[in-house]
């Protein structure tokens, strides 16, 4: 199933991904650091929600309380829990 999430506190304006059961694919960030976000998306493509969140949850960016990686983990957890 395709999901859209509008992250808070980071540069990208939108985050999209597919969730098939617990497996995450086709992650796309709109805006932000294009190269880095493509790298993150490619690295975790095919991982489960739990695998991704265990690695990325809580990461921060500079002085911010969150990061693109952290917002991805938040979006995936919300999707998994039926909150999106």
PDB file of N, CA and C in Angstrom:
ATOM      1  N   UNK A   1       0.837  -1.163   0.000  1.00  0.00           N
ATOM      2  CA  UNK A   1       0.000   0.000   0.000  1.00  0.00           C
ATOM      3  C   UNK A   1       0.898   1.247   0.000  1.00  0.00           C
ATOM      4  N   UNK A   2       0.506   2.258  -0.733  1.00  0.00           N
ATOM      5  CA  UNK A   2       1.261   3.512  -0.853  1.00  0.00           C
ATOM      6  C   UNK A   2       0.851   4.467   0.266  1.00  0.00           C
ATOM      7  N   UNK A   3       1.858   5.113   0.866  1.00  0.00           N
ATOM      8  CA  UNK A   3       1.612   6.073   1.942  1.00  0.00           C
ATOM      9  C   UNK A   3       2.287   7.404   1.633  1.00  0.00           C
ATOM     10  N   UNK A   4       1.697   8.479   2.136  1.00  0.00           N
ATOM     11  CA  UNK A   4       2.276   9.817   2.087  1.00  0.00           C
ATOM     12  C   UNK A   4       2.330  10.339   3.509  1.00  0.00           C
ATOM     13  N   UNK A   5       3.428  10.996   3.827  1.00  0.00           N
ATOM     14  CA  UNK A   5       3.593  11.586   5.153  1.00  0.00           C
ATOM     15  C   UNK A   5       4.196  12.970   4.980  1.00  0.00           C
ATOM     16  N   UNK A   6       3.699  13.926   5.733  1.00  0.00           N
ATOM     17  CA  UNK A   6       4.202  15.288   5.683  1.00  0.00           C
ATOM     18  C   UNK A   6       5.020  15.529   6.954  1.00  0.00           C
ATOM     19  N   UNK A   7       6.347  15.397   6.815  1.00  0.00           N
ATOM     20  CA  UNK A   7       7.216  15.463   7.993  1.00  0.00           C
ATOM     21  C   UNK A   7       7.241  16.839   8.647  1.00  0.00           C
ATOM     22  N   UNK A   8       7.681  16.850   9.893  1.00  0.00           N
ATOM     23  CA  UNK A   8       7.751  18.082  10.678  1.00  0.00           C
ATOM     24  C   UNK A   8       9.192  18.312  11.130  1.00  0.00           C
ATOM     25  N   UNK A   9       9.644  19.563  11.006  1.00  0.00           N
ATOM     26  CA  UNK A   9      10.939  19.928  11.535  1.00  0.00           C
ATOM     27  C   UNK A   9      12.135  19.588  10.671  1.00  0.00           C
ATOM     28  N   UNK A  10      11.903  19.231   9.397  1.00  0.00           N
ATOM     29  CA  UNK A  10      12.999  18.903   8.484  1.00  0.00           C
ATOM     30  C   UNK A  10      12.775  19.610   7.150  1.00  0.00           C
ATOM     31  N   UNK A  11      13.769  19.550   6.288  1.00  0.00           N
ATOM     32  CA  UNK A  11      13.698  20.249   4.996  1.00  0.00           C
ATOM     33  C   UNK A  11      12.693  19.629   4.009  1.00  0.00           C
ATOM     34  N   UNK A  12      12.665  18.313   3.831  1.00  0.00           N
ATOM     35  CA  UNK A  12      11.706  17.752   2.871  1.00  0.00           C
ATOM     36  C   UNK A  12      10.260  18.069   3.255  1.00  0.00           C
ATOM     37  N   UNK A  13       9.462  18.331   2.217  1.00  0.00           N
ATOM     38  CA  UNK A  13       8.058  18.680   2.445  1.00  0.00           C
ATOM     39  C   UNK A  13       7.148  17.458   2.469  1.00  0.00           C
ATOM     40  N   UNK A  14       7.602  16.365   1.838  1.00  0.00           N
ATOM     41  CA  UNK A  14       6.746  15.181   1.749  1.00  0.00           C
ATOM     42  C   UNK A  14       7.622  13.940   1.700  1.00  0.00           C
ATOM     43  N   UNK A  15       7.072  12.855   2.203  1.00  0.00           N
ATOM     44  CA  UNK A  15       7.726  11.555   2.210  1.00  0.00           C
ATOM     45  C   UNK A  15       6.711  10.536   1.725  1.00  0.00           C
ATOM     46  N   UNK A  16       7.108   9.729   0.742  1.00  0.00           N
ATOM     47  CA  UNK A  16       6.229   8.686   0.216  1.00  0.00           C
ATOM     48  C   UNK A  16       6.944   7.345   0.300  1.00  0.00           C
ATOM     49  N   UNK A  17       6.175   6.284   0.502  1.00  0.00           N
ATOM     50  CA  UNK A  17       6.749   4.939   0.552  1.00  0.00           C
ATOM     51  C   UNK A  17       5.637   3.915   0.372  1.00  0.00           C
ATOM     52  N   UNK A  18       6.050   2.705   0.022  1.00  0.00           N
ATOM     53  CA  UNK A  18       5.131   1.575  -0.073  1.00  0.00           C
ATOM     54  C   UNK A  18       5.396   0.654   1.096  1.00  0.00           C
ATOM     55  N   UNK A  19       4.333   0.074   1.614  1.00  0.00           N
ATOM     56  CA  UNK A  19       4.430  -0.880   2.705  1.00  0.00           C
ATOM     57  C   UNK A  19       3.649  -2.126   2.304  1.00  0.00           C
ATOM     58  N   UNK A  20       4.363  -3.236   2.196  1.00  0.00           N
ATOM     59  CA  UNK A  20       3.756  -4.522   1.857  1.00  0.00           C
ATOM     60  C   UNK A  20       3.929  -5.422   3.067  1.00  0.00           C
ATOM     61  N   UNK A  21       2.883  -5.518   3.860  1.00  0.00           N
ATOM     62  CA  UNK A  21       3.027  -6.197   5.146  1.00  0.00           C
ATOM     63  C   UNK A  21       3.887  -5.310   6.025  1.00  0.00           C
ATOM     64  N   UNK A  22       5.092  -5.778   6.331  1.00  0.00           N
ATOM     65  CA  UNK A  22       6.033  -5.025   7.154  1.00  0.00           C
ATOM     66  C   UNK A  22       7.252  -4.577   6.355  1.00  0.00           C
ATOM     67  N   UNK A  23       7.254  -4.837   5.044  1.00  0.00           N
ATOM     68  CA  UNK A  23       8.408  -4.538   4.194  1.00  0.00           C
ATOM     69  C   UNK A  23       8.215  -3.194   3.489  1.00  0.00           C
ATOM     70  N   UNK A  24       9.237  -2.357   3.568  1.00  0.00           N
ATOM     71  CA  UNK A  24       9.194  -0.990   3.049  1.00  0.00           C
ATOM     72  C   UNK A  24       9.955  -0.911   1.726  1.00  0.00           C
ATOM     73  N   UNK A  25       9.328  -0.296   0.714  1.00  0.00           N
ATOM     74  CA  UNK A  25       9.976  -0.093  -0.583  1.00  0.00           C
ATOM     75  C   UNK A  25       9.591   1.276  -1.139  1.00  0.00           C
ATOM     76  N   UNK A  26      10.285   1.669  -2.189  1.00  0.00           N
ATOM     77  CA  UNK A  26       9.955   2.878  -2.954  1.00  0.00           C
ATOM     78  C   UNK A  26       9.868   4.143  -2.105  1.00  0.00           C
ATOM     79  N   UNK A  27      10.863   4.366  -1.253  1.00  0.00           N
ATOM     80  CA  UNK A  27      10.896   5.558  -0.411  1.00  0.00           C
ATOM     81  C   UNK A  27      11.331   6.749  -1.257  1.00  0.00           C
ATOM     82  N   UNK A  28      10.551   7.833  -1.196  1.00  0.00           N
ATOM     83  CA  UNK A  28      10.866   9.051  -1.941  1.00  0.00           C
ATOM     84  C   UNK A  28      10.640  10.254  -1.029  1.00  0.00           C
ATOM     85  N   UNK A  29      11.690  11.072  -0.879  1.00  0.00           N
ATOM     86  CA  UNK A  29      11.590  12.339  -0.162  1.00  0.00           C
ATOM     87  C   UNK A  29      11.429  13.441  -1.198  1.00  0.00           C
ATOM     88  N   UNK A  30      10.535  14.396  -0.950  1.00  0.00           N
ATOM     89  CA  UNK A  30      10.379  15.563  -1.821  1.00  0.00           C
ATOM     90  C   UNK A  30      11.002  16.752  -1.113  1.00  0.00           C
ATOM     91  N   UNK A  31      12.112  17.237  -1.654  1.00  0.00           N
ATOM     92  CA  UNK A  31      12.877  18.311  -1.038  1.00  0.00           C
ATOM     93  C   UNK A  31      14.003  17.744  -0.197  1.00  0.00           C
ATOM     94  N   UNK A  32      14.801  18.624   0.361  1.00  0.00           N
ATOM     95  CA  UNK A  32      15.889  18.190   1.225  1.00  0.00           C
ATOM     96  C   UNK A  32      17.167  17.899   0.466  1.00  0.00           C
ATOM     97  N   UNK A  33      18.089  17.224   1.115  1.00  0.00           N
ATOM     98  CA  UNK A  33      19.406  16.900   0.553  1.00  0.00           C
ATOM     99  C   UNK A  33      19.270  15.687  -0.375  1.00  0.00           C
ATOM    100  N   UNK A  34      19.067  15.964  -1.633  1.00  0.00           N
ATOM    101  CA  UNK A  34      18.718  14.950  -2.617  1.00  0.00           C
ATOM    102  C   UNK A  34      19.627  13.716  -2.584  1.00  0.00           C
ATOM    103  N   UNK A  35      20.923  13.916  -2.641  1.00  0.00           N
ATOM    104  CA  UNK A  35      21.854  12.783  -2.676  1.00  0.00           C
ATOM    105  C   UNK A  35      21.796  11.937  -1.425  1.00  0.00           C
ATOM    106  N   UNK A  36      21.811  12.582  -0.272  1.00  0.00           N
ATOM    107  CA  UNK A  36      21.770  11.842   0.990  1.00  0.00           C
ATOM    108  C   UNK A  36      20.456  11.091   1.161  1.00  0.00           C
ATOM    109  N   UNK A  37      19.367  11.714   0.770  1.00  0.00           N
ATOM    110  CA  UNK A  37      18.066  11.065   0.940  1.00  0.00           C
ATOM    111  C   UNK A  37      17.878   9.912  -0.028  1.00  0.00           C
ATOM    112  N   UNK A  38      18.429  10.040  -1.239  1.00  0.00           N
ATOM    113  CA  UNK A  38      18.406   8.902  -2.164  1.00  0.00           C
ATOM    114  C   UNK A  38      19.218   7.748  -1.596  1.00  0.00           C
ATOM    115  N   UNK A  39      20.346   8.069  -0.976  1.00  0.00           N
ATOM    116  CA  UNK A  39      21.196   7.031  -0.393  1.00  0.00           C
ATOM    117  C   UNK A  39      20.467   6.293   0.729  1.00  0.00           C
ATOM    118  N   UNK A  40      19.855   7.048   1.640  1.00  0.00           N
ATOM    119  CA  UNK A  40      19.097   6.412   2.725  1.00  0.00           C
ATOM    120  C   UNK A  40      17.997   5.533   2.149  1.00  0.00           C
ATOM    121  N   UNK A  41      17.265   6.075   1.175  1.00  0.00           N
ATOM    122  CA  UNK A  41      16.152   5.328   0.571  1.00  0.00           C
ATOM    123  C   UNK A  41      16.631   4.028  -0.059  1.00  0.00           C
ATOM    124  N   UNK A  42      17.745   4.084  -0.767  1.00  0.00           N
ATOM    125  CA  UNK A  42      18.281   2.876  -1.415  1.00  0.00           C
ATOM    126  C   UNK A  42      18.818   1.881  -0.401  1.00  0.00           C
ATOM    127  N   UNK A  43      19.470   2.368   0.634  1.00  0.00           N
ATOM    128  CA  UNK A  43      20.049   1.477   1.639  1.00  0.00           C
ATOM    129  C   UNK A  43      19.001   0.660   2.385  1.00  0.00           C
ATOM    130  N   UNK A  44      17.872   1.267   2.708  1.00  0.00           N
ATOM    131  CA  UNK A  44      16.873   0.566   3.525  1.00  0.00           C
ATOM    132  C   UNK A  44      15.749  -0.052   2.699  1.00  0.00           C
ATOM    133  N   UNK A  45      15.780   0.097   1.390  1.00  0.00           N
ATOM    134  CA  UNK A  45      14.744  -0.477   0.531  1.00  0.00           C
ATOM    135  C   UNK A  45      14.692  -1.997   0.721  1.00  0.00           C
ATOM    136  N   UNK A  46      13.514  -2.500   1.040  1.00  0.00           N
ATOM    137  CA  UNK A  46      13.343  -3.933   1.250  1.00  0.00           C
ATOM    138  C   UNK A  46      13.487  -4.359   2.701  1.00  0.00           C
ATOM    139  N   UNK A  47      13.842  -3.444   3.581  1.00  0.00           N
ATOM    140  CA  UNK A  47      13.935  -3.742   5.010  1.00  0.00           C
ATOM    141  C   UNK A  47      12.543  -3.684   5.631  1.00  0.00           C
ATOM    142  N   UNK A  48      12.406  -4.265   6.800  1.00  0.00           N
ATOM    143  CA  UNK A  48      11.140  -4.182   7.532  1.00  0.00           C
ATOM    144  C   UNK A  48      11.080  -2.869   8.303  1.00  0.00           C
ATOM    145  N   UNK A  49       9.883  -2.515   8.726  1.00  0.00           N
ATOM    146  CA  UNK A  49       9.692  -1.310   9.532  1.00  0.00           C
ATOM    147  C   UNK A  49      10.570  -1.378  10.777  1.00  0.00           C
ATOM    148  N   UNK A  50      10.584  -2.509  11.447  1.00  0.00           N
ATOM    149  CA  UNK A  50      11.361  -2.639  12.684  1.00  0.00           C
ATOM    150  C   UNK A  50      12.856  -2.524  12.431  1.00  0.00           C
ATOM    151  N   UNK A  51      13.350  -3.083  11.331  1.00  0.00           N
ATOM    152  CA  UNK A  51      14.774  -2.960  11.003  1.00  0.00           C
ATOM    153  C   UNK A  51      15.155  -1.500  10.778  1.00  0.00           C
ATOM    154  N   UNK A  52      14.315  -0.789  10.046  1.00  0.00           N
ATOM    155  CA  UNK A  52      14.597   0.620   9.747  1.00  0.00           C
ATOM    156  C   UNK A  52      14.522   1.467  11.009  1.00  0.00           C
ATOM    157  N   UNK A  53      13.466   1.302  11.784  1.00  0.00           N
ATOM    158  CA  UNK A  53      13.318   2.138  12.973  1.00  0.00           C
ATOM    159  C   UNK A  53      14.404   1.850  14.004  1.00  0.00           C
ATOM    160  N   UNK A  54      14.865   0.625  14.090  1.00  0.00           N
ATOM    161  CA  UNK A  54      15.924   0.311  15.066  1.00  0.00           C
ATOM    162  C   UNK A  54      17.228   1.028  14.722  1.00  0.00           C
ATOM    163  N   UNK A  55      17.450   1.319  13.452  1.00  0.00           N
ATOM    164  CA  UNK A  55      18.671   2.010  13.023  1.00  0.00           C
ATOM    165  C   UNK A  55      18.514   3.529  12.963  1.00  0.00           C
ATOM    166  N   UNK A  56      17.327   4.022  12.597  1.00  0.00           N
ATOM    167  CA  UNK A  56      17.170   5.439  12.279  1.00  0.00           C
ATOM    168  C   UNK A  56      16.424   6.278  13.305  1.00  0.00           C
ATOM    169  N   UNK A  57      15.615   5.659  14.137  1.00  0.00           N
ATOM    170  CA  UNK A  57      14.820   6.431  15.105  1.00  0.00           C
ATOM    171  C   UNK A  57      15.730   7.181  16.068  1.00  0.00           C
ATOM    172  N   UNK A  58      15.404   8.443  16.283  1.00  0.00           N
ATOM    173  CA  UNK A  58      16.144   9.249  17.238  1.00  0.00           C
ATOM    174  C   UNK A  58      17.328  10.006  16.671  1.00  0.00           C
ATOM    175  N   UNK A  59      17.685   9.751  15.414  1.00  0.00           N
ATOM    176  CA  UNK A  59      18.776  10.515  14.799  1.00  0.00           C
ATOM    177  C   UNK A  59      18.366  11.974  14.692  1.00  0.00           C
ATOM    178  N   UNK A  60      19.318  12.866  14.926  1.00  0.00           N
ATOM    179  CA  UNK A  60      19.045  14.295  14.818  1.00  0.00           C
ATOM    180  C   UNK A  60      19.900  14.910  13.719  1.00  0.00           C
ATOM    181  N   UNK A  61      19.535  16.112  13.305  1.00  0.00           N
ATOM    182  CA  UNK A  61      20.255  16.840  12.255  1.00  0.00           C
ATOM    183  C   UNK A  61      20.670  18.198  12.817  1.00  0.00           C
ATOM    184  N   UNK A  62      21.960  18.376  13.029  1.00  0.00           N
ATOM    185  CA  UNK A  62      22.444  19.644  13.566  1.00  0.00           C
ATOM    186  C   UNK A  62      21.777  19.976  14.883  1.00  0.00           C
ATOM    187  N   UNK A  63      21.211  21.172  14.975  1.00  0.00           N
ATOM    188  CA  UNK A  63      20.552  21.630  16.204  1.00  0.00           C
ATOM    189  C   UNK A  63      19.100  21.178  16.298  1.00  0.00           C
ATOM    190  N   UNK A  64      18.594  20.509  15.259  1.00  0.00           N
ATOM    191  CA  UNK A  64      17.188  20.092  15.250  1.00  0.00           C
ATOM    192  C   UNK A  64      16.977  18.888  16.171  1.00  0.00           C
ATOM    193  N   UNK A  65      15.756  18.736  16.641  1.00  0.00           N
ATOM    194  CA  UNK A  65      15.398  17.616  17.516  1.00  0.00           C
ATOM    195  C   UNK A  65      15.074  16.346  16.737  1.00  0.00           C
ATOM    196  N   UNK A  66      15.076  16.444  15.411  1.00  0.00           N
ATOM    197  CA  UNK A  66      14.731  15.318  14.548  1.00  0.00           C
ATOM    198  C   UNK A  66      15.622  15.370  13.312  1.00  0.00           C
ATOM    199  N   UNK A  67      15.399  14.472  12.382  1.00  0.00           N
ATOM    200  CA  UNK A  67      16.145  14.431  11.122  1.00  0.00           C
ATOM    201  C   UNK A  67      15.274  13.746  10.077  1.00  0.00           C
ATOM    202  N   UNK A  68      15.738  13.726   8.858  1.00  0.00           N
ATOM    203  CA  UNK A  68      15.007  13.024   7.799  1.00  0.00           C
ATOM    204  C   UNK A  68      14.888  11.538   8.135  1.00  0.00           C
ATOM    205  N   UNK A  69      15.973  10.967   8.643  1.00  0.00           N
ATOM    206  CA  UNK A  69      15.963   9.546   9.013  1.00  0.00           C
ATOM    207  C   UNK A  69      14.967   9.290  10.145  1.00  0.00           C
ATOM    208  N   UNK A  70      14.960  10.172  11.139  1.00  0.00           N
ATOM    209  CA  UNK A  70      14.034  10.041  12.260  1.00  0.00           C
ATOM    210  C   UNK A  70      12.592  10.187  11.800  1.00  0.00           C
ATOM    211  N   UNK A  71      12.334  11.162  10.922  1.00  0.00           N
ATOM    212  CA  UNK A  71      10.976  11.363  10.408  1.00  0.00           C
ATOM    213  C   UNK A  71      10.517  10.161   9.579  1.00  0.00           C
ATOM    214  N   UNK A  72      11.445   9.530   8.861  1.00  0.00           N
ATOM    215  CA  UNK A  72      11.104   8.303   8.128  1.00  0.00           C
ATOM    216  C   UNK A  72      10.664   7.232   9.118  1.00  0.00           C
ATOM    217  N   UNK A  73      11.407   7.063  10.201  1.00  0.00           N
ATOM    218  CA  UNK A  73      11.034   6.036  11.177  1.00  0.00           C
ATOM    219  C   UNK A  73       9.681   6.346  11.820  1.00  0.00           C
ATOM    220  N   UNK A  74       9.406   7.615  12.059  1.00  0.00           N
ATOM    221  CA  UNK A  74       8.103   8.011  12.620  1.00  0.00           C
ATOM    222  C   UNK A  74       6.979   7.692  11.633  1.00  0.00           C
ATOM    223  N   UNK A  75       7.183   8.041  10.367  1.00  0.00           N
ATOM    224  CA  UNK A  75       6.171   7.772   9.337  1.00  0.00           C
ATOM    225  C   UNK A  75       5.907   6.277   9.209  1.00  0.00           C
ATOM    226  N   UNK A  76       6.964   5.488   9.210  1.00  0.00           N
ATOM    227  CA  UNK A  76       6.800   4.028   9.064  1.00  0.00           C
ATOM    228  C   UNK A  76       6.061   3.435  10.254  1.00  0.00           C
ATOM    229  N   UNK A  77       6.369   3.896  11.441  1.00  0.00           N
ATOM    230  CA  UNK A  77       5.686   3.398  12.637  1.00  0.00           C
ATOM    231  C   UNK A  77       4.206   3.759  12.598  1.00  0.00           C
ATOM    232  N   UNK A  78       3.898   4.994  12.183  1.00  0.00           N
ATOM    233  CA  UNK A  78       2.497   5.406  12.070  1.00  0.00           C
ATOM    234  C   UNK A  78       1.752   4.568  11.034  1.00  0.00           C
ATOM    235  N   UNK A  79       2.391   4.310   9.896  1.00  0.00           N
ATOM    236  CA  UNK A  79       1.756   3.487   8.860  1.00  0.00           C
ATOM    237  C   UNK A  79       1.515   2.072   9.379  1.00  0.00           C
ATOM    238  N   UNK A  80       2.516   1.511  10.022  1.00  0.00           N
ATOM    239  CA  UNK A  80       2.391   0.146  10.555  1.00  0.00           C
ATOM    240  C   UNK A  80       1.274   0.049  11.576  1.00  0.00           C
ATOM    241  N   UNK A  81       1.087   1.107  12.361  1.00  0.00           N
ATOM    242  CA  UNK A  81       0.050   1.118  13.400  1.00  0.00           C
ATOM    243  C   UNK A  81      -1.306   1.600  12.914  1.00  0.00           C
ATOM    244  N   UNK A  82      -1.427   1.832  11.598  1.00  0.00           N
ATOM    245  CA  UNK A  82      -2.696   2.268  11.029  1.00  0.00           C
ATOM    246  C   UNK A  82      -3.038   3.711  11.315  1.00  0.00           C
ATOM    247  N   UNK A  83      -2.039   4.544  11.604  1.00  0.00           N
ATOM    248  CA  UNK A  83      -2.285   5.930  11.966  1.00  0.00           C
ATOM    249  C   UNK A  83      -2.135   6.890  10.777  1.00  0.00           C
ATOM    250  N   UNK A  84      -1.805   6.384   9.599  1.00  0.00           N
ATOM    251  CA  UNK A  84      -1.720   7.238   8.401  1.00  0.00           C
ATOM    252  C   UNK A  84      -2.876   6.950   7.493  1.00  0.00           C
TER     253      UNK A  84
END
